[in-house]
Protein backbone atom coordinates (compact mmCIF):
# COMPACT_ATOMS: atom_id res chain seq x y z
CA MET A 1 39.58 -64.50 33.81
CA GLU A 2 42.14 -66.69 35.55
CA ILE A 3 44.79 -65.67 33.01
CA SER A 4 44.18 -61.96 33.62
CA ASN A 5 44.34 -62.49 37.39
CA SER A 6 47.56 -64.47 37.03
CA LEU A 7 49.01 -61.78 34.78
CA ALA A 8 48.04 -59.07 37.28
CA VAL A 9 49.72 -61.00 40.11
CA ILE A 10 52.89 -61.48 38.03
CA ILE A 11 53.03 -57.77 37.13
CA PHE A 12 52.39 -56.80 40.76
CA LEU A 13 55.19 -59.07 42.00
CA ALA A 14 57.56 -57.79 39.32
CA CYS A 15 56.85 -54.22 40.44
CA ILE A 16 57.94 -55.20 43.94
CA ILE A 17 60.84 -57.54 43.18
CA VAL A 18 62.61 -55.54 40.44
CA PRO A 19 63.22 -52.38 42.54
CA ILE A 20 64.40 -54.45 45.51
CA TRP A 21 66.74 -56.44 43.28
CA TRP A 22 68.05 -53.20 41.75
CA LEU A 23 68.74 -51.67 45.19
CA VAL A 24 70.53 -54.78 46.42
CA SER A 25 72.68 -55.11 43.30
CA SER A 26 73.65 -51.43 43.30
CA GLY A 27 74.62 -51.69 46.99
CA ASN A 28 76.74 -54.76 46.21
CA LYS A 29 78.49 -52.89 43.40
CA LYS A 30 79.38 -50.07 45.80
CA LYS A 31 80.70 -52.57 48.36
CA LYS A 32 82.79 -54.32 45.70
CA ALA A 33 84.17 -50.99 44.46
CA LEU A 34 85.11 -50.03 48.03
CA ALA A 35 86.71 -53.44 48.60
CA ASN A 36 88.74 -53.04 45.38
CA LYS A 37 89.90 -49.58 46.48
CA VAL A 38 90.86 -50.96 49.92
CA ASN A 39 92.80 -53.85 48.38
CA SER A 40 94.60 -51.47 46.02
CA LEU A 41 95.67 -49.18 48.87
CA LYS A 42 96.65 -52.12 51.07
CA ALA A 43 98.98 -53.37 48.34
CA GLN A 44 100.32 -49.89 47.57
CA TYR A 45 101.19 -49.09 51.19
CA HIS A 46 101.98 -52.66 52.32
CA ILE A 47 99.23 -52.66 54.93
CA ASN A 48 97.63 -55.72 56.52
CA ILE A 49 94.37 -54.61 58.10
CA SER A 50 93.96 -56.24 61.51
CA ASP A 51 90.74 -54.44 62.46
CA SER A 52 88.28 -52.50 60.32
CA ASP A 53 84.80 -51.05 60.18
CA SER A 54 82.73 -49.74 57.32
CA TRP A 55 79.52 -47.75 57.33
CA ASP A 56 77.62 -45.64 54.83
CA ASN A 57 80.33 -44.56 52.41
CA VAL A 58 83.31 -44.86 54.80
CA MET A 59 85.85 -47.59 55.58
CA LEU A 60 88.39 -47.34 58.39
CA GLY A 61 91.07 -49.92 59.11
CA ILE A 62 94.20 -50.28 61.19
CA ASP A 63 97.38 -52.26 60.75
CA LYS A 64 98.51 -52.66 64.34
CA ALA A 65 101.88 -54.16 63.41
CA ALA A 66 102.81 -51.38 60.97
CA ARG A 67 100.97 -48.78 63.09
CA LYS A 68 99.07 -47.34 60.13
CA ILE A 69 95.49 -46.22 59.65
CA LEU A 70 93.65 -46.55 56.34
CA TRP A 71 90.56 -44.33 55.87
CA ILE A 72 88.47 -44.19 52.70
CA ARG A 73 85.33 -42.21 51.96
CA GLU A 74 83.29 -41.93 48.78
CA VAL A 75 81.31 -38.72 48.28
CA ASP A 76 79.45 -37.91 45.07
CA GLY A 77 81.43 -40.49 43.11
CA ASN A 78 84.82 -39.19 44.31
CA ASP A 79 87.07 -41.28 46.52
CA GLU A 80 89.02 -39.70 49.34
CA SER A 81 91.63 -41.81 51.07
CA LEU A 82 94.20 -41.33 53.79
CA VAL A 83 96.99 -43.51 55.07
CA VAL A 84 98.25 -42.24 58.41
CA ASP A 85 101.49 -43.38 60.02
CA LEU A 86 100.71 -43.51 63.74
CA GLY A 87 104.43 -43.24 64.47
CA LYS A 88 104.13 -39.58 63.48
CA ILE A 89 100.99 -38.96 65.54
CA GLU A 90 101.05 -37.70 69.11
CA GLN A 91 97.39 -37.46 70.09
CA CYS A 92 93.88 -38.51 69.03
CA LYS A 93 90.87 -36.39 70.04
CA LYS A 94 87.15 -36.72 69.43
CA VAL A 95 85.42 -34.09 67.30
CA ASN A 96 81.71 -33.54 67.99
CA VAL A 97 80.12 -30.49 66.38
CA SER A 98 76.46 -29.81 67.03
CA ARG A 99 74.06 -26.89 67.07
CA ASN A 100 70.78 -26.00 68.74
CA VAL A 101 67.69 -25.77 66.56
CA ASN A 102 64.56 -24.09 67.85
CA VAL A 103 61.22 -25.21 66.45
CA GLY A 104 58.51 -23.23 68.15
CA LYS A 105 59.01 -23.65 71.88
CA VAL A 106 61.05 -26.83 71.52
CA SER A 107 64.84 -26.72 71.31
CA SER A 108 66.76 -29.68 69.90
CA GLN A 109 70.42 -30.37 69.47
CA VAL A 110 71.41 -31.41 65.93
CA LEU A 111 74.67 -33.21 65.21
CA ASP A 112 76.56 -31.72 62.26
CA HIS A 113 79.90 -33.47 62.43
CA LEU A 114 81.50 -36.41 64.20
CA GLY A 115 85.05 -37.66 63.83
CA LEU A 116 88.53 -38.08 65.19
CA GLU A 117 91.33 -35.57 64.89
CA LEU A 118 94.91 -36.86 64.84
CA PHE A 119 97.59 -34.41 65.93
CA ALA A 120 101.11 -34.86 64.56
CA LYS A 121 104.22 -34.76 66.72
CA ASP A 122 105.46 -32.07 64.35
CA ARG A 123 103.32 -29.09 65.36
CA ALA A 124 103.83 -27.49 61.92
CA GLU A 125 101.68 -30.21 60.32
CA LYS A 126 97.90 -29.80 60.16
CA PRO A 127 95.82 -32.27 62.18
CA VAL A 128 94.36 -35.17 60.21
CA LEU A 129 90.57 -35.45 60.37
CA LEU A 130 88.90 -38.85 60.13
CA ASP A 131 85.25 -38.16 59.34
CA PHE A 132 82.70 -40.52 60.89
CA TYR A 133 79.59 -38.45 60.16
CA ASN A 134 79.01 -35.18 58.35
CA SER A 135 75.50 -33.85 57.87
CA ASN A 136 76.55 -32.28 54.55
CA ASN A 137 77.16 -35.63 52.85
CA SER A 138 75.48 -38.29 55.00
CA TYR A 139 71.84 -38.53 55.98
CA ILE A 140 72.08 -41.61 58.15
CA PHE A 141 73.33 -41.41 61.73
CA ASN A 142 73.33 -44.81 63.39
CA PHE A 143 76.22 -46.17 65.39
CA GLN A 144 78.99 -43.69 64.58
CA LEU A 145 79.26 -42.60 68.25
CA GLU A 146 80.14 -46.14 69.26
CA LEU A 147 82.60 -46.40 66.38
CA GLN A 148 84.17 -43.09 67.36
CA ASP A 149 84.76 -44.43 70.90
CA LYS A 150 86.11 -47.75 69.59
CA TRP A 151 88.54 -46.10 67.18
CA GLN A 152 89.73 -43.50 69.67
CA LYS A 153 90.58 -46.38 72.00
CA LEU A 154 92.27 -48.44 69.23
CA ILE A 155 94.32 -45.50 68.01
CA GLY A 156 95.18 -44.47 71.57
CA GLU A 157 96.47 -47.98 72.32
CA SER A 158 98.59 -47.90 69.16
CA LEU A 159 100.01 -44.51 70.09
CA LYS A 160 101.13 -45.86 73.49
CA SER A 161 103.00 -48.82 71.99
């Protein structure tokens, strides 16, 4: 009887520990893959990141000395990356796109998109969009508003120098 109880406890613990271990190890693999991509781009563009943030599937960094921004996002296994020369940028504006949703008699505002838009000095160039949150490919909205404020300030300071 004691053996069967011990076996049941071991199986129960394995059912709890194995999924947690699997989630942690898969998250670490994604972080390592993102770090490898960041290091590759840093070497390719000769960037030394002086400040950076990463969340969900996004990493954003700035080289204040070289006045360059590095932005990387992974969506559905595909990497998107941008290196922006702030010497060619004139202005940085917040992008907040939301919509009203009515459920019965209650109306709520739902955030669809959050980011920063960088406008080039050359008006012929399209603005560069740095995505912080997009409801189409991210389900978690945590602290992106604070990050948006922080990065608008950082980029704005770099544009002034």
